[in-house]
N, C-alpha and C. Protein backbone atom coordinates (compact mmCIF):
# COMPACT_ATOMS: atom_id res chain seq x y z
N GLU A 1 55.46 -84.42 -47.51
CA GLU A 1 55.73 -83.42 -47.12
C GLU A 1 56.24 -83.10 -45.75
N SER A 2 57.02 -82.64 -45.37
CA SER A 2 56.85 -82.64 -43.78
C SER A 2 56.93 -81.52 -43.45
N VAL A 3 56.59 -81.04 -42.00
CA VAL A 3 56.81 -80.20 -41.21
C VAL A 3 57.95 -80.31 -40.52
N SER A 4 58.87 -79.21 -40.40
CA SER A 4 60.13 -78.79 -39.40
C SER A 4 60.45 -77.78 -39.38
N ILE A 5 61.51 -77.48 -38.08
CA ILE A 5 61.75 -75.97 -37.83
C ILE A 5 63.28 -76.01 -37.95
N TYR A 6 63.76 -75.10 -38.65
CA TYR A 6 65.07 -75.09 -38.60
C TYR A 6 65.69 -74.10 -37.49
N ASP A 7 66.59 -74.63 -36.58
CA ASP A 7 67.06 -74.01 -35.37
C ASP A 7 68.43 -74.22 -34.94
N GLU A 8 68.85 -73.67 -33.95
CA GLU A 8 70.12 -73.82 -33.58
C GLU A 8 70.31 -75.14 -32.90
N GLU A 9 71.64 -76.22 -33.30
CA GLU A 9 71.38 -76.97 -32.49
C GLU A 9 72.38 -76.89 -30.98
N PRO A 10 71.66 -77.20 -30.04
CA PRO A 10 72.86 -76.85 -28.71
C PRO A 10 73.79 -78.06 -28.51
N VAL A 11 75.11 -78.18 -29.44
CA VAL A 11 76.16 -79.05 -29.29
C VAL A 11 77.04 -78.01 -28.73
N ALA A 12 78.39 -78.77 -28.75
CA ALA A 12 79.70 -78.00 -28.49
C ALA A 12 80.34 -76.86 -29.57
N LYS A 13 79.95 -77.21 -30.73
CA LYS A 13 80.17 -76.38 -31.69
C LYS A 13 78.94 -75.81 -32.28
N PRO A 14 78.00 -74.83 -31.69
CA PRO A 14 76.66 -74.71 -32.51
C PRO A 14 76.36 -74.52 -34.17
N ALA A 15 75.33 -75.96 -34.59
CA ALA A 15 75.29 -75.51 -35.79
C ALA A 15 73.69 -75.66 -36.21
N LEU A 16 73.16 -75.40 -37.17
CA LEU A 16 71.78 -75.16 -37.60
C LEU A 16 71.29 -76.85 -38.15
N ALA A 17 70.10 -77.20 -37.62
CA ALA A 17 69.69 -78.63 -37.99
C ALA A 17 67.85 -78.00 -37.86
N ASN A 18 67.37 -79.15 -38.85
CA ASN A 18 66.04 -79.21 -39.06
C ASN A 18 65.43 -80.37 -37.65
N PHE A 19 64.69 -79.39 -36.91
CA PHE A 19 63.60 -80.61 -36.21
C PHE A 19 62.32 -80.40 -35.85
N ASN A 20 61.51 -81.39 -35.18
CA ASN A 20 60.24 -81.29 -35.32
C ASN A 20 59.95 -81.94 -34.02
N GLY A 21 58.45 -81.94 -33.56
CA GLY A 21 58.09 -82.47 -32.63
C GLY A 21 57.49 -81.46 -31.48
N THR A 22 56.58 -81.92 -30.59
CA THR A 22 56.18 -81.02 -29.64
C THR A 22 57.13 -79.87 -28.75
N SER A 23 58.50 -80.44 -28.85
CA SER A 23 59.31 -79.57 -27.93
C SER A 23 59.87 -78.56 -29.00
N MET A 24 59.37 -78.21 -30.33
CA MET A 24 59.67 -77.43 -31.29
C MET A 24 58.42 -76.41 -31.19
N ALA A 25 57.22 -76.97 -31.53
CA ALA A 25 56.12 -76.54 -31.49
C ALA A 25 55.69 -75.78 -30.55
N ALA A 26 55.75 -76.32 -29.34
CA ALA A 26 55.08 -75.60 -28.20
C ALA A 26 55.50 -74.02 -28.06
N PRO A 27 57.19 -73.68 -28.08
CA PRO A 27 57.18 -72.07 -28.16
C PRO A 27 56.59 -71.60 -29.06
N HIS A 28 56.69 -72.12 -30.39
CA HIS A 28 55.81 -71.10 -31.63
C HIS A 28 54.05 -71.30 -31.24
N VAL A 29 53.62 -72.15 -30.90
CA VAL A 29 52.12 -71.81 -30.28
C VAL A 29 51.84 -70.98 -29.13
N THR A 30 52.98 -70.95 -28.00
CA THR A 30 52.46 -70.18 -26.70
C THR A 30 53.20 -68.68 -27.53
N GLY A 31 53.73 -68.21 -28.42
CA GLY A 31 54.17 -67.04 -28.64
C GLY A 31 52.89 -66.48 -29.59
N MET A 32 52.40 -67.59 -30.30
CA MET A 32 51.25 -67.06 -31.14
C MET A 32 50.03 -66.78 -30.40
N ALA A 33 49.76 -67.31 -28.86
CA ALA A 33 48.95 -67.11 -27.89
C ALA A 33 48.99 -65.92 -27.37
N ALA A 34 50.52 -65.65 -27.14
CA ALA A 34 50.85 -64.35 -26.52
C ALA A 34 50.61 -63.05 -27.22
N TRP A 35 50.82 -63.42 -28.75
CA TRP A 35 50.78 -62.40 -29.49
C TRP A 35 49.14 -61.98 -29.73
N LEU A 36 48.47 -62.97 -29.84
CA LEU A 36 46.81 -62.91 -29.98
C LEU A 36 46.59 -61.98 -28.43
N VAL A 37 46.86 -62.46 -27.32
CA VAL A 37 46.46 -61.84 -26.14
C VAL A 37 46.87 -60.27 -26.14
N ALA A 38 47.83 -59.84 -26.66
CA ALA A 38 48.47 -58.53 -26.94
C ALA A 38 47.94 -57.84 -27.54
N LEU A 39 47.13 -58.51 -28.89
CA LEU A 39 46.21 -57.52 -29.62
C LEU A 39 44.93 -57.47 -28.89
N ASP A 40 44.35 -58.42 -28.30
CA ASP A 40 43.15 -58.16 -27.93
C ASP A 40 43.25 -58.86 -26.29
N PRO A 41 43.24 -58.31 -25.08
CA PRO A 41 43.67 -58.69 -24.08
C PRO A 41 42.36 -59.29 -23.37
N SER A 42 41.34 -59.16 -23.87
CA SER A 42 40.16 -59.87 -23.34
C SER A 42 40.12 -61.57 -24.52
N MET A 43 40.66 -61.71 -24.76
CA MET A 43 40.90 -63.30 -25.59
C MET A 43 40.47 -64.05 -24.37
N THR A 44 39.82 -64.99 -24.34
CA THR A 44 39.98 -66.23 -23.27
C THR A 44 40.53 -67.23 -24.17
N PRO A 45 41.25 -68.15 -23.11
CA PRO A 45 42.10 -69.65 -23.48
C PRO A 45 41.55 -70.19 -25.05
N GLU A 46 40.55 -70.17 -24.60
CA GLU A 46 39.10 -71.04 -25.26
C GLU A 46 39.19 -70.20 -26.71
N LYS A 47 38.61 -69.05 -26.84
CA LYS A 47 38.98 -68.24 -28.07
C LYS A 47 40.80 -68.09 -28.78
N ILE A 48 41.21 -68.48 -28.23
CA ILE A 48 42.80 -68.25 -28.70
C ILE A 48 43.06 -69.65 -29.46
N LYS A 49 42.71 -70.83 -28.50
CA LYS A 49 42.93 -71.87 -29.28
C LYS A 49 41.89 -72.29 -30.60
N ALA A 50 40.41 -71.62 -30.31
CA ALA A 50 39.98 -71.68 -31.55
C ALA A 50 40.66 -71.08 -32.81
N LYS A 51 41.02 -69.93 -32.43
CA LYS A 51 41.44 -68.96 -33.35
C LYS A 51 42.75 -69.75 -34.12
N ILE A 52 43.55 -70.09 -33.34
CA ILE A 52 44.85 -70.66 -33.34
C ILE A 52 44.23 -72.12 -34.47
N ILE A 53 43.51 -72.86 -33.85
CA ILE A 53 43.30 -74.07 -34.74
C ILE A 53 42.22 -73.62 -36.39
N ALA A 54 41.84 -72.56 -35.96
CA ALA A 54 40.72 -72.24 -37.45
C ALA A 54 41.57 -71.72 -38.31
N THR A 55 42.75 -71.10 -38.15
CA THR A 55 43.43 -70.34 -39.07
C THR A 55 44.86 -71.22 -39.21
N CYS A 56 44.53 -72.40 -38.95
CA CYS A 56 46.07 -73.37 -39.25
C CYS A 56 46.42 -73.19 -40.80
N ASP A 57 47.22 -73.56 -41.42
CA ASP A 57 47.43 -74.10 -42.88
C ASP A 57 47.51 -75.46 -42.88
N PRO A 58 46.46 -76.34 -43.66
CA PRO A 58 46.53 -78.00 -43.48
C PRO A 58 47.59 -78.08 -44.47
N VAL A 59 48.19 -79.26 -43.85
CA VAL A 59 49.43 -79.72 -44.19
C VAL A 59 48.89 -81.46 -44.37
N ALA A 60 49.03 -82.07 -45.82
CA ALA A 60 48.85 -83.48 -45.83
C ALA A 60 49.08 -83.93 -44.73
N SER A 61 50.52 -84.50 -44.89
CA SER A 61 51.45 -85.27 -44.04
C SER A 61 50.80 -85.13 -42.69
N MET A 62 50.24 -84.11 -41.90
CA MET A 62 50.32 -83.58 -40.56
C MET A 62 48.42 -83.82 -40.14
N LYS A 63 47.93 -84.47 -41.19
CA LYS A 63 46.36 -84.50 -40.43
C LYS A 63 46.07 -85.26 -39.63
N THR A 64 46.38 -86.26 -39.55
CA THR A 64 46.20 -86.87 -38.16
C THR A 64 47.29 -87.16 -37.27
N LYS A 65 48.26 -86.19 -37.19
CA LYS A 65 48.99 -85.72 -36.45
C LYS A 65 49.36 -84.71 -35.31
N SER A 66 48.46 -84.04 -35.92
CA SER A 66 48.01 -82.62 -34.70
C SER A 66 46.70 -82.23 -34.99
N VAL A 67 46.43 -81.29 -33.87
CA VAL A 67 45.14 -80.90 -33.60
C VAL A 67 44.15 -80.39 -34.70
N CYS A 68 45.04 -79.50 -35.38
CA CYS A 68 44.41 -78.53 -36.81
C CYS A 68 44.77 -79.38 -37.87
N GLY A 69 45.60 -80.22 -37.73
CA GLY A 69 45.77 -80.86 -39.15
C GLY A 69 46.89 -80.27 -40.19
N GLY A 70 47.76 -79.27 -39.30
CA GLY A 70 48.60 -78.44 -40.13
C GLY A 70 49.61 -78.18 -39.36
N ARG A 71 50.20 -76.86 -40.41
CA ARG A 71 51.04 -75.69 -39.22
C ARG A 71 50.17 -74.41 -38.68
N VAL A 72 50.64 -73.81 -37.72
CA VAL A 72 49.98 -72.68 -37.41
C VAL A 72 50.59 -71.29 -38.03
N ASN A 73 49.55 -70.65 -38.49
CA ASN A 73 49.73 -69.33 -39.37
C ASN A 73 49.43 -68.18 -38.24
N LEU A 74 50.57 -67.67 -37.66
CA LEU A 74 50.37 -66.33 -37.06
C LEU A 74 49.62 -65.13 -37.87
N ASP A 75 50.40 -65.15 -39.10
CA ASP A 75 49.66 -63.74 -40.23
C ASP A 75 48.16 -64.08 -40.39
N GLY A 76 47.81 -65.54 -40.59
CA GLY A 76 46.21 -65.67 -40.83
C GLY A 76 45.70 -65.56 -39.18
N ALA A 77 46.08 -65.65 -38.17
CA ALA A 77 45.48 -65.71 -37.12
C ALA A 77 45.31 -63.92 -36.69
N VAL A 78 46.10 -62.98 -37.03
CA VAL A 78 45.90 -61.71 -36.59
C VAL A 78 45.34 -60.62 -37.73
N ARG A 79 44.98 -61.71 -38.77
CA ARG A 79 44.44 -60.44 -39.78
C ARG A 79 42.68 -60.73 -39.56
């Protein structure tokens, strides 16, 4: 089971492709953090990090490759 993000590839003729890694993950985690702060402006960076880690979906192949051992879950974090 792999985790990848479907996005537009910046080439002369744009096409969709699967990507992975921190370059793709960082914007998603940043957006999640912004959403959490928008819902609760009193959240500290430590609380945001803890919430993101606590609500991630476990993915076996990511167990040793990410801090939470899976993929972030915005829906789980905001509920």
